[in-house]
Amino acid sequence: MNEGYFVGWGTLALINAVLAQGKNRSGFNWFLLSLLLGPVATFFLALSDKR
């Protein structure tokens, strides 16, 4: 596979971790979830309310 695909997926996971921490959620858990689900995790995180 293309190496850029993996770099982009990892970058998205890091962005999701930062976004999750801004919403008072576990950044590490969302990082791991984002590695598995990618843009789907971003969608759910964007829709979630701040705790």
N, C-alpha and C. Protein backbone atom coordinates (compact mmCIF):
# COMPACT_ATOMS: atom_id res chain seq x y z
N MET A 1 0.83 -1.19 0.00
CA MET A 1 0.00 0.00 0.00
C MET A 1 0.87 1.25 0.00
N ASN A 2 0.25 2.33 -0.30
CA ASN A 2 0.94 3.61 -0.35
C ASN A 2 1.27 4.08 1.07
N GLU A 3 2.50 4.51 1.28
CA GLU A 3 2.92 4.96 2.61
C GLU A 3 2.18 6.23 3.04
N GLY A 4 1.79 7.06 2.10
CA GLY A 4 1.05 8.28 2.43
C GLY A 4 -0.28 7.98 3.08
N TYR A 5 -0.87 6.86 2.74
CA TYR A 5 -2.14 6.45 3.33
C TYR A 5 -1.96 6.23 4.83
N PHE A 6 -0.90 5.57 5.23
CA PHE A 6 -0.65 5.30 6.65
C PHE A 6 -0.31 6.58 7.41
N VAL A 7 0.42 7.47 6.76
CA VAL A 7 0.77 8.74 7.40
C VAL A 7 -0.49 9.56 7.63
N GLY A 8 -1.36 9.61 6.65
CA GLY A 8 -2.62 10.35 6.77
C GLY A 8 -3.52 9.77 7.84
N TRP A 9 -3.60 8.45 7.90
CA TRP A 9 -4.44 7.78 8.90
C TRP A 9 -3.91 8.06 10.30
N GLY A 10 -2.59 8.01 10.47
CA GLY A 10 -1.99 8.31 11.78
C GLY A 10 -2.17 9.76 12.18
N THR A 11 -2.07 10.66 11.21
CA THR A 11 -2.28 12.07 11.48
C THR A 11 -3.72 12.33 11.92
N LEU A 12 -4.65 11.69 11.26
CA LEU A 12 -6.06 11.82 11.65
C LEU A 12 -6.28 11.31 13.07
N ALA A 13 -5.63 10.23 13.43
CA ALA A 13 -5.75 9.68 14.78
C ALA A 13 -5.21 10.67 15.82
N LEU A 14 -4.11 11.33 15.51
CA LEU A 14 -3.55 12.33 16.43
C LEU A 14 -4.47 13.53 16.56
N ILE A 15 -5.04 13.97 15.46
CA ILE A 15 -5.98 15.10 15.48
C ILE A 15 -7.19 14.73 16.33
N ASN A 16 -7.68 13.52 16.19
CA ASN A 16 -8.82 13.08 16.98
C ASN A 16 -8.49 13.03 18.47
N ALA A 17 -7.28 12.64 18.81
CA ALA A 17 -6.87 12.60 20.21
C ALA A 17 -6.88 14.01 20.81
N VAL A 18 -6.38 14.97 20.08
CA VAL A 18 -6.38 16.36 20.56
C VAL A 18 -7.81 16.88 20.67
N LEU A 19 -8.63 16.58 19.68
CA LEU A 19 -10.03 17.01 19.70
C LEU A 19 -10.76 16.38 20.89
N ALA A 20 -10.49 15.13 21.17
CA ALA A 20 -11.13 14.45 22.30
C ALA A 20 -10.71 15.09 23.62
N GLN A 21 -9.45 15.41 23.77
CA GLN A 21 -8.99 16.04 25.01
C GLN A 21 -9.64 17.40 25.19
N GLY A 22 -9.88 18.10 24.09
CA GLY A 22 -10.57 19.38 24.17
C GLY A 22 -12.01 19.23 24.61
N LYS A 23 -12.57 18.05 24.44
CA LYS A 23 -13.94 17.77 24.88
C LYS A 23 -13.96 16.99 26.19
N ASN A 24 -12.85 17.02 26.91
CA ASN A 24 -12.70 16.34 28.21
C ASN A 24 -12.96 14.84 28.11
N ARG A 25 -12.44 14.23 27.08
CA ARG A 25 -12.54 12.78 26.89
C ARG A 25 -11.12 12.22 26.82
N SER A 26 -10.99 10.93 26.90
CA SER A 26 -9.68 10.30 26.89
C SER A 26 -9.05 10.38 25.50
N GLY A 27 -7.97 11.13 25.40
CA GLY A 27 -7.28 11.27 24.12
C GLY A 27 -6.67 9.96 23.65
N PHE A 28 -6.13 9.18 24.59
CA PHE A 28 -5.50 7.91 24.23
C PHE A 28 -6.52 6.92 23.69
N ASN A 29 -7.67 6.83 24.36
CA ASN A 29 -8.71 5.91 23.90
C ASN A 29 -9.21 6.30 22.52
N TRP A 30 -9.40 7.59 22.30
CA TRP A 30 -9.87 8.04 20.99
C TRP A 30 -8.79 7.88 19.93
N PHE A 31 -7.54 7.99 20.32
CA PHE A 31 -6.45 7.73 19.38
C PHE A 31 -6.51 6.28 18.89
N LEU A 32 -6.65 5.35 19.85
CA LEU A 32 -6.73 3.94 19.47
C LEU A 32 -7.97 3.64 18.64
N LEU A 33 -9.09 4.22 19.03
CA LEU A 33 -10.32 4.02 18.28
C LEU A 33 -10.19 4.59 16.87
N SER A 34 -9.51 5.70 16.75
CA SER A 34 -9.32 6.32 15.44
C SER A 34 -8.41 5.49 14.54
N LEU A 35 -7.45 4.79 15.14
CA LEU A 35 -6.61 3.91 14.33
C LEU A 35 -7.44 2.80 13.71
N LEU A 36 -8.48 2.38 14.41
CA LEU A 36 -9.33 1.31 13.90
C LEU A 36 -10.42 1.82 12.95
N LEU A 37 -11.04 2.93 13.32
CA LEU A 37 -12.21 3.40 12.57
C LEU A 37 -11.95 4.59 11.65
N GLY A 38 -10.88 5.32 11.91
CA GLY A 38 -10.52 6.46 11.07
C GLY A 38 -11.57 7.54 11.02
N PRO A 39 -12.03 7.91 9.82
CA PRO A 39 -12.98 9.01 9.67
C PRO A 39 -14.31 8.79 10.38
N VAL A 40 -14.69 7.55 10.59
CA VAL A 40 -15.94 7.27 11.30
C VAL A 40 -15.82 7.74 12.76
N ALA A 41 -14.66 7.51 13.36
CA ALA A 41 -14.42 7.98 14.73
C ALA A 41 -14.44 9.51 14.78
N THR A 42 -13.90 10.15 13.77
CA THR A 42 -13.91 11.62 13.70
C THR A 42 -15.34 12.13 13.66
N PHE A 43 -16.18 11.47 12.88
CA PHE A 43 -17.57 11.85 12.77
C PHE A 43 -18.27 11.78 14.13
N PHE A 44 -18.10 10.66 14.85
CA PHE A 44 -18.74 10.50 16.14
C PHE A 44 -18.18 11.48 17.17
N LEU A 45 -16.91 11.74 17.11
CA LEU A 45 -16.29 12.66 18.04
C LEU A 45 -16.77 14.09 17.78
N ALA A 46 -16.92 14.45 16.54
CA ALA A 46 -17.38 15.79 16.20
C ALA A 46 -18.83 16.01 16.65
N LEU A 47 -19.63 14.96 16.66
CA LEU A 47 -21.02 15.07 17.07
C LEU A 47 -21.21 15.03 18.58
N SER A 48 -20.22 14.53 19.30
CA SER A 48 -20.36 14.39 20.74
C SER A 48 -20.27 15.75 21.44
N ASP A 49 -20.97 15.83 22.56
CA ASP A 49 -20.96 17.05 23.36
C ASP A 49 -19.76 17.06 24.30
N LYS A 50 -19.40 18.25 24.74
CA LYS A 50 -18.33 18.40 25.71
C LYS A 50 -18.81 17.95 27.07
N ARG A 51 -17.99 17.21 27.79
CA ARG A 51 -18.37 16.74 29.13
C ARG A 51 -18.13 17.82 30.14
